[in-house]
Amino acid sequence: MSFYLDKLMKMIPTEVIGLYLVGSGIIPDDQHAYLLGWSTVCLIGVVIARIAGTRDKAANKPPQAGLVVVSAIAFVIWVYSLGGPFKWYMGANYKPFLGSLFVLVWTFVVPLVYTPAD
């Protein structure tokens, strides 16, 4: 079980989640375009953080592309579960419960089927 939790923690972009929460809390509720822009900036931040965090310059290893993609998708699912720009741009098609289900499935299934390199 510890191996599962270790893999799960490598996939969660926690460093950008805090950044997103603070920034989105500052943006006024009626500024939807800014929230979309902030979400995009944070998604780029996830990609940059995961590239930097999975590259091993000393061993001359490239970034782990799979982990970068998994983390980016996890971030988008997490933002969807909070509402973020999805709530505004999808309107009546936005279903908050789907975000919660996506989070549950993603965090359960991905560590079982994907193993990041050490």
PDB file of N, CA and C in Angstrom:
ATOM      1  N   MET A   1       0.825  -1.202   0.000  1.00  0.00           N
ATOM      2  CA  MET A   1       0.000   0.000   0.000  1.00  0.00           C
ATOM      3  C   MET A   1       0.864   1.259   0.000  1.00  0.00           C
ATOM      4  N   SER A   2       1.977   1.218   0.670  1.00  0.00           N
ATOM      5  CA  SER A   2       2.866   2.374   0.708  1.00  0.00           C
ATOM      6  C   SER A   2       3.355   2.724  -0.704  1.00  0.00           C
ATOM      7  N   PHE A   3       3.639   1.709  -1.515  1.00  0.00           N
ATOM      8  CA  PHE A   3       4.077   1.940  -2.891  1.00  0.00           C
ATOM      9  C   PHE A   3       2.995   2.675  -3.669  1.00  0.00           C
ATOM     10  N   TYR A   4       1.739   2.281  -3.482  1.00  0.00           N
ATOM     11  CA  TYR A   4       0.604   2.933  -4.138  1.00  0.00           C
ATOM     12  C   TYR A   4       0.549   4.405  -3.733  1.00  0.00           C
ATOM     13  N   LEU A   5       0.652   4.686  -2.435  1.00  0.00           N
ATOM     14  CA  LEU A   5       0.573   6.064  -1.955  1.00  0.00           C
ATOM     15  C   LEU A   5       1.756   6.896  -2.437  1.00  0.00           C
ATOM     16  N   ASP A   6       2.933   6.287  -2.507  1.00  0.00           N
ATOM     17  CA  ASP A   6       4.102   7.001  -3.034  1.00  0.00           C
ATOM     18  C   ASP A   6       3.864   7.427  -4.482  1.00  0.00           C
ATOM     19  N   LYS A   7       3.324   6.500  -5.285  1.00  0.00           N
ATOM     20  CA  LYS A   7       3.036   6.823  -6.690  1.00  0.00           C
ATOM     21  C   LYS A   7       1.980   7.910  -6.784  1.00  0.00           C
ATOM     22  N   LEU A   8       0.959   7.818  -5.959  1.00  0.00           N
ATOM     23  CA  LEU A   8      -0.118   8.800  -5.983  1.00  0.00           C
ATOM     24  C   LEU A   8       0.414  10.193  -5.647  1.00  0.00           C
ATOM     25  N   MET A   9       1.267  10.295  -4.650  1.00  0.00           N
ATOM     26  CA  MET A   9       1.805  11.589  -4.248  1.00  0.00           C
ATOM     27  C   MET A   9       2.694  12.206  -5.327  1.00  0.00           C
ATOM     28  N   LYS A  10       3.385  11.384  -6.116  1.00  0.00           N
ATOM     29  CA  LYS A  10       4.206  11.912  -7.208  1.00  0.00           C
ATOM     30  C   LYS A  10       3.349  12.508  -8.325  1.00  0.00           C
ATOM     31  N   MET A  11       2.110  12.058  -8.418  1.00  0.00           N
ATOM     32  CA  MET A  11       1.245  12.482  -9.514  1.00  0.00           C
ATOM     33  C   MET A  11       0.410  13.707  -9.190  1.00  0.00           C
ATOM     34  N   ILE A  12       0.260  14.037  -7.924  1.00  0.00           N
ATOM     35  CA  ILE A  12      -0.582  15.161  -7.541  1.00  0.00           C
ATOM     36  C   ILE A  12       0.247  16.447  -7.571  1.00  0.00           C
ATOM     37  N   PRO A  13      -0.130  17.400  -8.378  1.00  0.00           N
ATOM     38  CA  PRO A  13       0.641  18.643  -8.489  1.00  0.00           C
ATOM     39  C   PRO A  13       0.339  19.615  -7.344  1.00  0.00           C
ATOM     40  N   THR A  14       0.697  19.231  -6.121  1.00  0.00           N
ATOM     41  CA  THR A  14       0.331  20.015  -4.933  1.00  0.00           C
ATOM     42  C   THR A  14       0.917  21.417  -4.921  1.00  0.00           C
ATOM     43  N   GLU A  15       2.106  21.577  -5.495  1.00  0.00           N
ATOM     44  CA  GLU A  15       2.732  22.900  -5.462  1.00  0.00           C
ATOM     45  C   GLU A  15       1.924  23.934  -6.243  1.00  0.00           C
ATOM     46  N   VAL A  16       1.226  23.506  -7.266  1.00  0.00           N
ATOM     47  CA  VAL A  16       0.445  24.442  -8.069  1.00  0.00           C
ATOM     48  C   VAL A  16      -0.984  24.546  -7.547  1.00  0.00           C
ATOM     49  N   ILE A  17      -1.452  23.547  -6.850  1.00  0.00           N
ATOM     50  CA  ILE A  17      -2.807  23.599  -6.295  1.00  0.00           C
ATOM     51  C   ILE A  17      -2.946  24.775  -5.335  1.00  0.00           C
ATOM     52  N   GLY A  18      -1.957  24.962  -4.461  1.00  0.00           N
ATOM     53  CA  GLY A  18      -1.992  26.103  -3.544  1.00  0.00           C
ATOM     54  C   GLY A  18      -1.956  27.419  -4.288  1.00  0.00           C
ATOM     55  N   LEU A  19      -1.124  27.496  -5.304  1.00  0.00           N
ATOM     56  CA  LEU A  19      -1.030  28.692  -6.134  1.00  0.00           C
ATOM     57  C   LEU A  19      -2.374  28.992  -6.791  1.00  0.00           C
ATOM     58  N   TYR A  20      -3.013  27.964  -7.340  1.00  0.00           N
ATOM     59  CA  TYR A  20      -4.307  28.133  -8.001  1.00  0.00           C
ATOM     60  C   TYR A  20      -5.362  28.645  -7.008  1.00  0.00           C
ATOM     61  N   LEU A  21      -5.406  28.030  -5.831  1.00  0.00           N
ATOM     62  CA  LEU A  21      -6.422  28.408  -4.845  1.00  0.00           C
ATOM     63  C   LEU A  21      -6.295  29.862  -4.420  1.00  0.00           C
ATOM     64  N   VAL A  22      -5.083  30.303  -4.154  1.00  0.00           N
ATOM     65  CA  VAL A  22      -4.891  31.694  -3.745  1.00  0.00           C
ATOM     66  C   VAL A  22      -5.257  32.631  -4.892  1.00  0.00           C
ATOM     67  N   GLY A  23      -4.762  32.359  -6.068  1.00  0.00           N
ATOM     68  CA  GLY A  23      -5.050  33.225  -7.220  1.00  0.00           C
ATOM     69  C   GLY A  23      -6.520  33.269  -7.569  1.00  0.00           C
ATOM     70  N   SER A  24      -7.173  32.118  -7.578  1.00  0.00           N
ATOM     71  CA  SER A  24      -8.599  32.103  -7.936  1.00  0.00           C
ATOM     72  C   SER A  24      -9.449  32.767  -6.859  1.00  0.00           C
ATOM     73  N   GLY A  25      -8.958  32.770  -5.613  1.00  0.00           N
ATOM     74  CA  GLY A  25      -9.676  33.458  -4.545  1.00  0.00           C
ATOM     75  C   GLY A  25      -9.597  34.977  -4.665  1.00  0.00           C
ATOM     76  N   ILE A  26      -8.583  35.468  -5.338  1.00  0.00           N
ATOM     77  CA  ILE A  26      -8.400  36.904  -5.529  1.00  0.00           C
ATOM     78  C   ILE A  26      -9.256  37.422  -6.685  1.00  0.00           C
ATOM     79  N   ILE A  27      -9.487  36.591  -7.683  1.00  0.00           N
ATOM     80  CA  ILE A  27     -10.219  37.010  -8.884  1.00  0.00           C
ATOM     81  C   ILE A  27     -11.698  37.187  -8.550  1.00  0.00           C
ATOM     82  N   PRO A  28     -12.275  38.359  -8.852  1.00  0.00           N
ATOM     83  CA  PRO A  28     -13.711  38.578  -8.592  1.00  0.00           C
ATOM     84  C   PRO A  28     -14.578  37.558  -9.348  1.00  0.00           C
ATOM     85  N   ASP A  29     -15.720  37.229  -8.768  1.00  0.00           N
ATOM     86  CA  ASP A  29     -16.612  36.206  -9.329  1.00  0.00           C
ATOM     87  C   ASP A  29     -17.084  36.508 -10.743  1.00  0.00           C
ATOM     88  N   ASP A  30     -17.168  37.771 -11.104  1.00  0.00           N
ATOM     89  CA  ASP A  30     -17.689  38.115 -12.436  1.00  0.00           C
ATOM     90  C   ASP A  30     -16.595  38.225 -13.502  1.00  0.00           C
ATOM     91  N   GLN A  31     -15.367  37.895 -13.166  1.00  0.00           N
ATOM     92  CA  GLN A  31     -14.244  38.004 -14.102  1.00  0.00           C
ATOM     93  C   GLN A  31     -13.864  36.628 -14.652  1.00  0.00           C
ATOM     94  N   HIS A  32     -14.740  36.062 -15.444  1.00  0.00           N
ATOM     95  CA  HIS A  32     -14.587  34.690 -15.927  1.00  0.00           C
ATOM     96  C   HIS A  32     -13.368  34.507 -16.816  1.00  0.00           C
ATOM     97  N   ALA A  33     -13.086  35.468 -17.657  1.00  0.00           N
ATOM     98  CA  ALA A  33     -11.936  35.359 -18.564  1.00  0.00           C
ATOM     99  C   ALA A  33     -10.633  35.335 -17.765  1.00  0.00           C
ATOM    100  N   TYR A  34     -10.570  36.109 -16.697  1.00  0.00           N
ATOM    101  CA  TYR A  34      -9.367  36.104 -15.862  1.00  0.00           C
ATOM    102  C   TYR A  34      -9.194  34.764 -15.155  1.00  0.00           C
ATOM    103  N   LEU A  35     -10.309  34.171 -14.738  1.00  0.00           N
ATOM    104  CA  LEU A  35     -10.232  32.858 -14.099  1.00  0.00           C
ATOM    105  C   LEU A  35      -9.759  31.801 -15.094  1.00  0.00           C
ATOM    106  N   LEU A  36     -10.235  31.890 -16.313  1.00  0.00           N
ATOM    107  CA  LEU A  36      -9.766  30.977 -17.351  1.00  0.00           C
ATOM    108  C   LEU A  36      -8.277  31.181 -17.597  1.00  0.00           C
ATOM    109  N   GLY A  37      -7.856  32.419 -17.681  1.00  0.00           N
ATOM    110  CA  GLY A  37      -6.440  32.715 -17.874  1.00  0.00           C
ATOM    111  C   GLY A  37      -5.593  32.212 -16.721  1.00  0.00           C
ATOM    112  N   TRP A  38      -6.065  32.426 -15.494  1.00  0.00           N
ATOM    113  CA  TRP A  38      -5.329  31.965 -14.315  1.00  0.00           C
ATOM    114  C   TRP A  38      -5.242  30.439 -14.296  1.00  0.00           C
ATOM    115  N   SER A  39      -6.304  29.776 -14.668  1.00  0.00           N
ATOM    116  CA  SER A  39      -6.301  28.311 -14.731  1.00  0.00           C
ATOM    117  C   SER A  39      -5.278  27.821 -15.752  1.00  0.00           C
ATOM    118  N   THR A  40      -5.198  28.517 -16.874  1.00  0.00           N
ATOM    119  CA  THR A  40      -4.237  28.164 -17.916  1.00  0.00           C
ATOM    120  C   THR A  40      -2.800  28.389 -17.431  1.00  0.00           C
ATOM    121  N   VAL A  41      -2.569  29.515 -16.763  1.00  0.00           N
ATOM    122  CA  VAL A  41      -1.234  29.792 -16.211  1.00  0.00           C
ATOM    123  C   VAL A  41      -0.838  28.690 -15.227  1.00  0.00           C
ATOM    124  N   CYS A  42      -1.763  28.287 -14.383  1.00  0.00           N
ATOM    125  CA  CYS A  42      -1.457  27.248 -13.398  1.00  0.00           C
ATOM    126  C   CYS A  42      -1.239  25.885 -14.064  1.00  0.00           C
ATOM    127  N   LEU A  43      -1.972  25.601 -15.120  1.00  0.00           N
ATOM    128  CA  LEU A  43      -1.747  24.361 -15.863  1.00  0.00           C
ATOM    129  C   LEU A  43      -0.339  24.355 -16.455  1.00  0.00           C
ATOM    130  N   ILE A  44       0.065  25.473 -17.011  1.00  0.00           N
ATOM    131  CA  ILE A  44       1.434  25.586 -17.521  1.00  0.00           C
ATOM    132  C   ILE A  44       2.427  25.415 -16.376  1.00  0.00           C
ATOM    133  N   GLY A  45       2.078  25.952 -15.209  1.00  0.00           N
ATOM    134  CA  GLY A  45       2.916  25.777 -14.020  1.00  0.00           C
ATOM    135  C   GLY A  45       3.067  24.316 -13.624  1.00  0.00           C
ATOM    136  N   VAL A  46       1.983  23.547 -13.738  1.00  0.00           N
ATOM    137  CA  VAL A  46       2.050  22.106 -13.457  1.00  0.00           C
ATOM    138  C   VAL A  46       3.036  21.437 -14.407  1.00  0.00           C
ATOM    139  N   VAL A  47       2.921  21.750 -15.670  1.00  0.00           N
ATOM    140  CA  VAL A  47       3.802  21.147 -16.678  1.00  0.00           C
ATOM    141  C   VAL A  47       5.260  21.507 -16.391  1.00  0.00           C
ATOM    142  N   ILE A  48       5.520  22.778 -16.133  1.00  0.00           N
ATOM    143  CA  ILE A  48       6.892  23.213 -15.848  1.00  0.00           C
ATOM    144  C   ILE A  48       7.420  22.558 -14.578  1.00  0.00           C
ATOM    145  N   ALA A  49       6.604  22.538 -13.528  1.00  0.00           N
ATOM    146  CA  ALA A  49       7.038  21.939 -12.258  1.00  0.00           C
ATOM    147  C   ALA A  49       7.330  20.450 -12.406  1.00  0.00           C
ATOM    148  N   ARG A  50       6.493  19.756 -13.175  1.00  0.00           N
ATOM    149  CA  ARG A  50       6.711  18.317 -13.344  1.00  0.00           C
ATOM    150  C   ARG A  50       7.902  18.034 -14.254  1.00  0.00           C
ATOM    151  N   ILE A  51       8.108  18.858 -15.253  1.00  0.00           N
ATOM    152  CA  ILE A  51       9.299  18.681 -16.103  1.00  0.00           C
ATOM    153  C   ILE A  51      10.555  18.889 -15.257  1.00  0.00           C
ATOM    154  N   ALA A  52      10.573  19.978 -14.498  1.00  0.00           N
ATOM    155  CA  ALA A  52      11.743  20.262 -13.655  1.00  0.00           C
ATOM    156  C   ALA A  52      11.922  19.204 -12.567  1.00  0.00           C
ATOM    157  N   GLY A  53      10.813  18.732 -12.025  1.00  0.00           N
ATOM    158  CA  GLY A  53      10.882  17.770 -10.926  1.00  0.00           C
ATOM    159  C   GLY A  53      11.220  16.352 -11.346  1.00  0.00           C
ATOM    160  N   THR A  54      11.018  16.018 -12.601  1.00  0.00           N
ATOM    161  CA  THR A  54      11.279  14.643 -13.031  1.00  0.00           C
ATOM    162  C   THR A  54      12.539  14.521 -13.880  1.00  0.00           C
ATOM    163  N   ARG A  55      13.155  15.639 -14.186  1.00  0.00           N
ATOM    164  CA  ARG A  55      14.402  15.595 -14.957  1.00  0.00           C
ATOM    165  C   ARG A  55      15.555  15.384 -13.984  1.00  0.00           C
ATOM    166  N   ASP A  56      16.500  14.555 -14.360  1.00  0.00           N
ATOM    167  CA  ASP A  56      17.683  14.301 -13.538  1.00  0.00           C
ATOM    168  C   ASP A  56      18.909  14.714 -14.338  1.00  0.00           C
ATOM    169  N   LYS A  57      19.337  15.940 -14.108  1.00  0.00           N
ATOM    170  CA  LYS A  57      20.471  16.468 -14.872  1.00  0.00           C
ATOM    171  C   LYS A  57      21.752  15.703 -14.563  1.00  0.00           C
ATOM    172  N   ALA A  58      21.921  15.315 -13.297  1.00  0.00           N
ATOM    173  CA  ALA A  58      23.147  14.620 -12.900  1.00  0.00           C
ATOM    174  C   ALA A  58      23.295  13.288 -13.634  1.00  0.00           C
ATOM    175  N   ALA A  59      22.190  12.577 -13.800  1.00  0.00           N
ATOM    176  CA  ALA A  59      22.226  11.280 -14.478  1.00  0.00           C
ATOM    177  C   ALA A  59      21.925  11.421 -15.969  1.00  0.00           C
ATOM    178  N   ASN A  60      21.766  12.659 -16.432  1.00  0.00           N
ATOM    179  CA  ASN A  60      21.462  12.937 -17.836  1.00  0.00           C
ATOM    180  C   ASN A  60      20.178  12.237 -18.300  1.00  0.00           C
ATOM    181  N   LYS A  61      19.148  12.249 -17.405  1.00  0.00           N
ATOM    182  CA  LYS A  61      17.854  11.642 -17.737  1.00  0.00           C
ATOM    183  C   LYS A  61      16.875  12.741 -18.112  1.00  0.00           C
ATOM    184  N   PRO A  62      16.103  12.524 -19.175  1.00  0.00           N
ATOM    185  CA  PRO A  62      15.105  13.521 -19.576  1.00  0.00           C
ATOM    186  C   PRO A  62      13.903  13.499 -18.622  1.00  0.00           C
ATOM    187  N   PRO A  63      13.046  14.506 -18.704  1.00  0.00           N
ATOM    188  CA  PRO A  63      11.825  14.510 -17.882  1.00  0.00           C
ATOM    189  C   PRO A  63      10.946  13.305 -18.198  1.00  0.00           C
ATOM    190  N   GLN A  64      10.140  12.908 -17.246  1.00  0.00           N
ATOM    191  CA  GLN A  64       9.217  11.791 -17.427  1.00  0.00           C
ATOM    192  C   GLN A  64       7.933  12.325 -18.066  1.00  0.00           C
ATOM    193  N   ALA A  65       7.840  12.176 -19.355  1.00  0.00           N
ATOM    194  CA  ALA A  65       6.707  12.725 -20.103  1.00  0.00           C
ATOM    195  C   ALA A  65       5.377  12.169 -19.600  1.00  0.00           C
ATOM    196  N   GLY A  66       5.343  10.892 -19.288  1.00  0.00           N
ATOM    197  CA  GLY A  66       4.097  10.285 -18.810  1.00  0.00           C
ATOM    198  C   GLY A  66       3.612  10.928 -17.530  1.00  0.00           C
ATOM    199  N   LEU A  67       4.517  11.179 -16.614  1.00  0.00           N
ATOM    200  CA  LEU A  67       4.139  11.796 -15.344  1.00  0.00           C
ATOM    201  C   LEU A  67       3.705  13.248 -15.548  1.00  0.00           C
ATOM    202  N   VAL A  68       4.321  13.933 -16.477  1.00  0.00           N
ATOM    203  CA  VAL A  68       3.926  15.310 -16.791  1.00  0.00           C
ATOM    204  C   VAL A  68       2.482  15.320 -17.298  1.00  0.00           C
ATOM    205  N   VAL A  69       2.163  14.421 -18.199  1.00  0.00           N
ATOM    206  CA  VAL A  69       0.802  14.336 -18.760  1.00  0.00           C
ATOM    207  C   VAL A  69      -0.208  13.938 -17.681  1.00  0.00           C
ATOM    208  N   VAL A  70       0.133  12.931 -16.885  1.00  0.00           N
ATOM    209  CA  VAL A  70      -0.769  12.474 -15.819  1.00  0.00           C
ATOM    210  C   VAL A  70      -1.050  13.608 -14.841  1.00  0.00           C
ATOM    211  N   SER A  71      -0.026  14.355 -14.459  1.00  0.00           N
ATOM    212  CA  SER A  71      -0.212  15.461 -13.523  1.00  0.00           C
ATOM    213  C   SER A  71      -1.039  16.582 -14.130  1.00  0.00           C
ATOM    214  N   ALA A  72      -0.831  16.874 -15.399  1.00  0.00           N
ATOM    215  CA  ALA A  72      -1.610  17.924 -16.068  1.00  0.00           C
ATOM    216  C   ALA A  72      -3.088  17.540 -16.122  1.00  0.00           C
ATOM    217  N   ILE A  73      -3.355  16.289 -16.458  1.00  0.00           N
ATOM    218  CA  ILE A  73      -4.751  15.827 -16.498  1.00  0.00           C
ATOM    219  C   ILE A  73      -5.359  15.860 -15.100  1.00  0.00           C
ATOM    220  N   ALA A  74      -4.589  15.452 -14.097  1.00  0.00           N
ATOM    221  CA  ALA A  74      -5.069  15.481 -12.715  1.00  0.00           C
ATOM    222  C   ALA A  74      -5.431  16.903 -12.302  1.00  0.00           C
ATOM    223  N   PHE A  75      -4.616  17.859 -12.705  1.00  0.00           N
ATOM    224  CA  PHE A  75      -4.900  19.254 -12.365  1.00  0.00           C
ATOM    225  C   PHE A  75      -6.197  19.724 -13.031  1.00  0.00           C
ATOM    226  N   VAL A  76      -6.371  19.419 -14.300  1.00  0.00           N
ATOM    227  CA  VAL A  76      -7.597  19.829 -15.007  1.00  0.00           C
ATOM    228  C   VAL A  76      -8.820  19.193 -14.354  1.00  0.00           C
ATOM    229  N   ILE A  77      -8.737  17.933 -13.991  1.00  0.00           N
ATOM    230  CA  ILE A  77      -9.854  17.265 -13.317  1.00  0.00           C
ATOM    231  C   ILE A  77     -10.141  17.938 -11.982  1.00  0.00           C
ATOM    232  N   TRP A  78      -9.097  18.271 -11.253  1.00  0.00           N
ATOM    233  CA  TRP A  78      -9.259  18.915  -9.955  1.00  0.00           C
ATOM    234  C   TRP A  78      -9.915  20.289 -10.109  1.00  0.00           C
ATOM    235  N   VAL A  79      -9.478  21.073 -11.094  1.00  0.00           N
ATOM    236  CA  VAL A  79     -10.086  22.387 -11.336  1.00  0.00           C
ATOM    237  C   VAL A  79     -11.558  22.211 -11.725  1.00  0.00           C
ATOM    238  N   TYR A  80     -11.843  21.206 -12.530  1.00  0.00           N
ATOM    239  CA  TYR A  80     -13.239  20.938 -12.901  1.00  0.00           C
ATOM    240  C   TYR A  80     -14.057  20.636 -11.647  1.00  0.00           C
ATOM    241  N   SER A  81     -13.500  19.857 -10.730  1.00  0.00           N
ATOM    242  CA  SER A  81     -14.247  19.486  -9.526  1.00  0.00           C
ATOM    243  C   SER A  81     -14.547  20.706  -8.654  1.00  0.00           C
ATOM    244  N   LEU A  82     -13.700  21.735  -8.732  1.00  0.00           N
ATOM    245  CA  LEU A  82     -13.937  22.972  -7.984  1.00  0.00           C
ATOM    246  C   LEU A  82     -14.894  23.914  -8.703  1.00  0.00           C
ATOM    247  N   GLY A  83     -15.085  23.707  -9.961  1.00  0.00           N
ATOM    248  CA  GLY A  83     -15.922  24.595 -10.771  1.00  0.00           C
ATOM    249  C   GLY A  83     -15.063  25.417 -11.700  1.00  0.00           C
ATOM    250  N   GLY A  84     -14.230  26.265 -11.113  1.00  0.00           N
ATOM    251  CA  GLY A  84     -13.310  27.082 -11.900  1.00  0.00           C
ATOM    252  C   GLY A  84     -13.973  27.658 -13.131  1.00  0.00           C
ATOM    253  N   PRO A  85     -13.241  27.768 -14.217  1.00  0.00           N
ATOM    254  CA  PRO A  85     -13.822  28.328 -15.440  1.00  0.00           C
ATOM    255  C   PRO A  85     -14.858  27.397 -16.068  1.00  0.00           C
ATOM    256  N   PHE A  86     -14.812  26.126 -15.727  1.00  0.00           N
ATOM    257  CA  PHE A  86     -15.780  25.173 -16.308  1.00  0.00           C
ATOM    258  C   PHE A  86     -17.208  25.558 -15.940  1.00  0.00           C
ATOM    259  N   LYS A  87     -17.402  25.972 -14.707  1.00  0.00           N
ATOM    260  CA  LYS A  87     -18.744  26.332 -14.232  1.00  0.00           C
ATOM    261  C   LYS A  87     -19.338  27.459 -15.078  1.00  0.00           C
ATOM    262  N   TRP A  88     -18.513  28.416 -15.452  1.00  0.00           N
ATOM    263  CA  TRP A  88     -19.011  29.565 -16.198  1.00  0.00           C
ATOM    264  C   TRP A  88     -19.179  29.275 -17.675  1.00  0.00           C
ATOM    265  N   TYR A  89     -18.210  28.577 -18.244  1.00  0.00           N
ATOM    266  CA  TYR A  89     -18.234  28.382 -19.698  1.00  0.00           C
ATOM    267  C   TYR A  89     -19.097  27.204 -20.147  1.00  0.00           C
ATOM    268  N   MET A  90     -19.345  26.270 -19.257  1.00  0.00           N
ATOM    269  CA  MET A  90     -20.194  25.130 -19.627  1.00  0.00           C
ATOM    270  C   MET A  90     -21.662  25.375 -19.272  1.00  0.00           C
ATOM    271  N   GLY A  91     -21.908  26.336 -18.407  1.00  0.00           N
ATOM    272  CA  GLY A  91     -23.282  26.679 -18.031  1.00  0.00           C
ATOM    273  C   GLY A  91     -24.041  25.500 -17.457  1.00  0.00           C
ATOM    274  N   ALA A  92     -25.208  25.230 -18.008  1.00  0.00           N
ATOM    275  CA  ALA A  92     -26.061  24.151 -17.508  1.00  0.00           C
ATOM    276  C   ALA A  92     -25.453  22.771 -17.743  1.00  0.00           C
ATOM    277  N   ASN A  93     -24.479  22.687 -18.647  1.00  0.00           N
ATOM    278  CA  ASN A  93     -23.831  21.400 -18.911  1.00  0.00           C
ATOM    279  C   ASN A  93     -22.789  21.032 -17.857  1.00  0.00           C
ATOM    280  N   TYR A  94     -22.424  21.984 -16.990  1.00  0.00           N
ATOM    281  CA  TYR A  94     -21.463  21.698 -15.928  1.00  0.00           C
ATOM    282  C   TYR A  94     -22.155  20.914 -14.822  1.00  0.00           C
ATOM    283  N   LYS A  95     -21.591  19.764 -14.488  1.00  0.00           N
ATOM    284  CA  LYS A  95     -22.145  18.889 -13.449  1.00  0.00           C
ATOM    285  C   LYS A  95     -21.084  18.685 -12.367  1.00  0.00           C
ATOM    286  N   PRO A  96     -21.212  19.366 -11.224  1.00  0.00           N
ATOM    287  CA  PRO A  96     -20.191  19.276 -10.182  1.00  0.00           C
ATOM    288  C   PRO A  96     -19.921  17.851  -9.701  1.00  0.00           C
ATOM    289  N   PHE A  97     -20.943  17.034  -9.633  1.00  0.00           N
ATOM    290  CA  PHE A  97     -20.740  15.674  -9.143  1.00  0.00           C
ATOM    291  C   PHE A  97     -19.813  14.874 -10.055  1.00  0.00           C
ATOM    292  N   LEU A  98     -19.791  15.213 -11.355  1.00  0.00           N
ATOM    293  CA  LEU A  98     -18.884  14.520 -12.276  1.00  0.00           C
ATOM    294  C   LEU A  98     -17.420  14.801 -11.918  1.00  0.00           C
ATOM    295  N   GLY A  99     -17.135  16.022 -11.504  1.00  0.00           N
ATOM    296  CA  GLY A  99     -15.780  16.355 -11.082  1.00  0.00           C
ATOM    297  C   GLY A  99     -15.326  15.490  -9.923  1.00  0.00           C
ATOM    298  N   SER A 100     -16.197  15.306  -8.949  1.00  0.00           N
ATOM    299  CA  SER A 100     -15.861  14.457  -7.800  1.00  0.00           C
ATOM    300  C   SER A 100     -15.642  13.019  -8.240  1.00  0.00           C
ATOM    301  N   LEU A 101     -16.473  12.540  -9.136  1.00  0.00           N
ATOM    302  CA  LEU A 101     -16.306  11.166  -9.629  1.00  0.00           C
ATOM    303  C   LEU A 101     -15.017  11.030 -10.437  1.00  0.00           C
ATOM    304  N   PHE A 102     -14.701  12.031 -11.269  1.00  0.00           N
ATOM    305  CA  PHE A 102     -13.447  12.000 -12.035  1.00  0.00           C
ATOM    306  C   PHE A 102     -12.245  11.954 -11.102  1.00  0.00           C
ATOM    307  N   VAL A 103     -12.275  12.757 -10.037  1.00  0.00           N
ATOM    308  CA  VAL A 103     -11.168  12.764  -9.065  1.00  0.00           C
ATOM    309  C   VAL A 103     -11.017  11.386  -8.433  1.00  0.00           C
ATOM    310  N   LEU A 104     -12.122  10.803  -8.016  1.00  0.00           N
ATOM    311  CA  LEU A 104     -12.064   9.473  -7.387  1.00  0.00           C
ATOM    312  C   LEU A 104     -11.490   8.424  -8.331  1.00  0.00           C
ATOM    313  N   VAL A 105     -11.996   8.391  -9.540  1.00  0.00           N
ATOM    314  CA  VAL A 105     -11.533   7.393 -10.506  1.00  0.00           C
ATOM    315  C   VAL A 105     -10.069   7.634 -10.865  1.00  0.00           C
ATOM    316  N   TRP A 106      -9.698   8.870 -11.141  1.00  0.00           N
ATOM    317  CA  TRP A 106      -8.331   9.183 -11.554  1.00  0.00           C
ATOM    318  C   TRP A 106      -7.331   8.814 -10.457  1.00  0.00           C
ATOM    319  N   THR A 107      -7.616   9.208  -9.224  1.00  0.00           N
ATOM    320  CA  THR A 107      -6.664   8.944  -8.144  1.00  0.00           C
ATOM    321  C   THR A 107      -6.629   7.473  -7.748  1.00  0.00           C
ATOM    322  N   PHE A 108      -7.659   6.732  -8.075  1.00  0.00           N
ATOM    323  CA  PHE A 108      -7.649   5.299  -7.771  1.00  0.00           C
ATOM    324  C   PHE A 108      -6.996   4.491  -8.894  1.00  0.00           C
ATOM    325  N   VAL A 109      -7.371   4.768 -10.126  1.00  0.00           N
ATOM    326  CA  VAL A 109      -6.943   3.944 -11.253  1.00  0.00           C
ATOM    327  C   VAL A 109      -5.514   4.242 -11.707  1.00  0.00           C
ATOM    328  N   VAL A 110      -5.168   5.502 -11.847  1.00  0.00           N
ATOM    329  CA  VAL A 110      -3.872   5.846 -12.432  1.00  0.00           C
ATOM    330  C   VAL A 110      -2.694   5.235 -11.672  1.00  0.00           C
ATOM    331  N   PRO A 111      -2.623   5.327 -10.340  1.00  0.00           N
ATOM    332  CA  PRO A 111      -1.493   4.695  -9.651  1.00  0.00           C
ATOM    333  C   PRO A 111      -1.447   3.171  -9.809  1.00  0.00           C
ATOM    334  N   LEU A 112      -2.572   2.578 -10.133  1.00  0.00           N
ATOM    335  CA  LEU A 112      -2.596   1.130 -10.344  1.00  0.00           C
ATOM    336  C   LEU A 112      -2.038   0.737 -11.706  1.00  0.00           C
ATOM    337  N   VAL A 113      -2.221   1.606 -12.703  1.00  0.00           N
ATOM    338  CA  VAL A 113      -1.828   1.242 -14.071  1.00  0.00           C
ATOM    339  C   VAL A 113      -0.612   1.998 -14.584  1.00  0.00           C
ATOM    340  N   TYR A 114      -0.195   3.053 -13.889  1.00  0.00           N
ATOM    341  CA  TYR A 114       0.959   3.815 -14.340  1.00  0.00           C
ATOM    342  C   TYR A 114       2.012   3.853 -13.244  1.00  0.00           C
ATOM    343  N   THR A 115       3.236   3.518 -13.594  1.00  0.00           N
ATOM    344  CA  THR A 115       4.332   3.555 -12.648  1.00  0.00           C
ATOM    345  C   THR A 115       5.377   4.551 -13.146  1.00  0.00           C
ATOM    346  N   PRO A 116       5.535   5.672 -12.432  1.00  0.00           N
ATOM    347  CA  PRO A 116       6.558   6.625 -12.855  1.00  0.00           C
ATOM    348  C   PRO A 116       7.959   6.052 -12.616  1.00  0.00           C
ATOM    349  N   ALA A 117       8.876   6.409 -13.465  1.00  0.00           N
ATOM    350  CA  ALA A 117      10.267   5.966 -13.286  1.00  0.00           C
ATOM    351  C   ALA A 117      10.865   6.648 -12.075  1.00  0.00           C
ATOM    352  N   ASP A 118      11.807   5.982 -11.463  1.00  0.00           N
ATOM    353  CA  ASP A 118      12.494   6.580 -10.296  1.00  0.00           C
ATOM    354  C   ASP A 118      13.671   7.403 -10.711  1.00  0.00           C
TER     355      ASP A 118
END
